[in-house]
């Protein structure tokens, strides 16, 4: 307990997947102006302790959707290339494109051993793109 309210770690112990419970637990204990910051802090600490990506969660499903003879794939806006590398296990050539050079550098370093993976910088201007 922190003063008269439970510490954020205690919320995680009650039920790590239930942010609504955490919100209810601090309701009435935290001034209205601090309530959202407290909840966001709890969520950030929970995510840091147990990282989870909704994008990564769907990789197996996406791989099952590939046709049996797929030879090429492209992932647009792929963050650090996890899906691109997963696709590389099923296709001859997996390509990722993103607008952020730092993200591309991270993806390339994490994909150093994959010879059938490539990453490219996409145009950063607004407009329509056909893929």
Foldseek 3Di string as FASTA:
>chain_A
DPVPADDLVVVCVVPVVDLVVVLVRCVVVDPPVCSVVRSVVSVVVSCVVPPDDPVVVCLVVVVVPDDQAAAEEEAEPCQQCPSQVSVLVRHQAGEYEYQDPVSQVNNCVVCVPRPRYYYYYDDPDDDDDDD
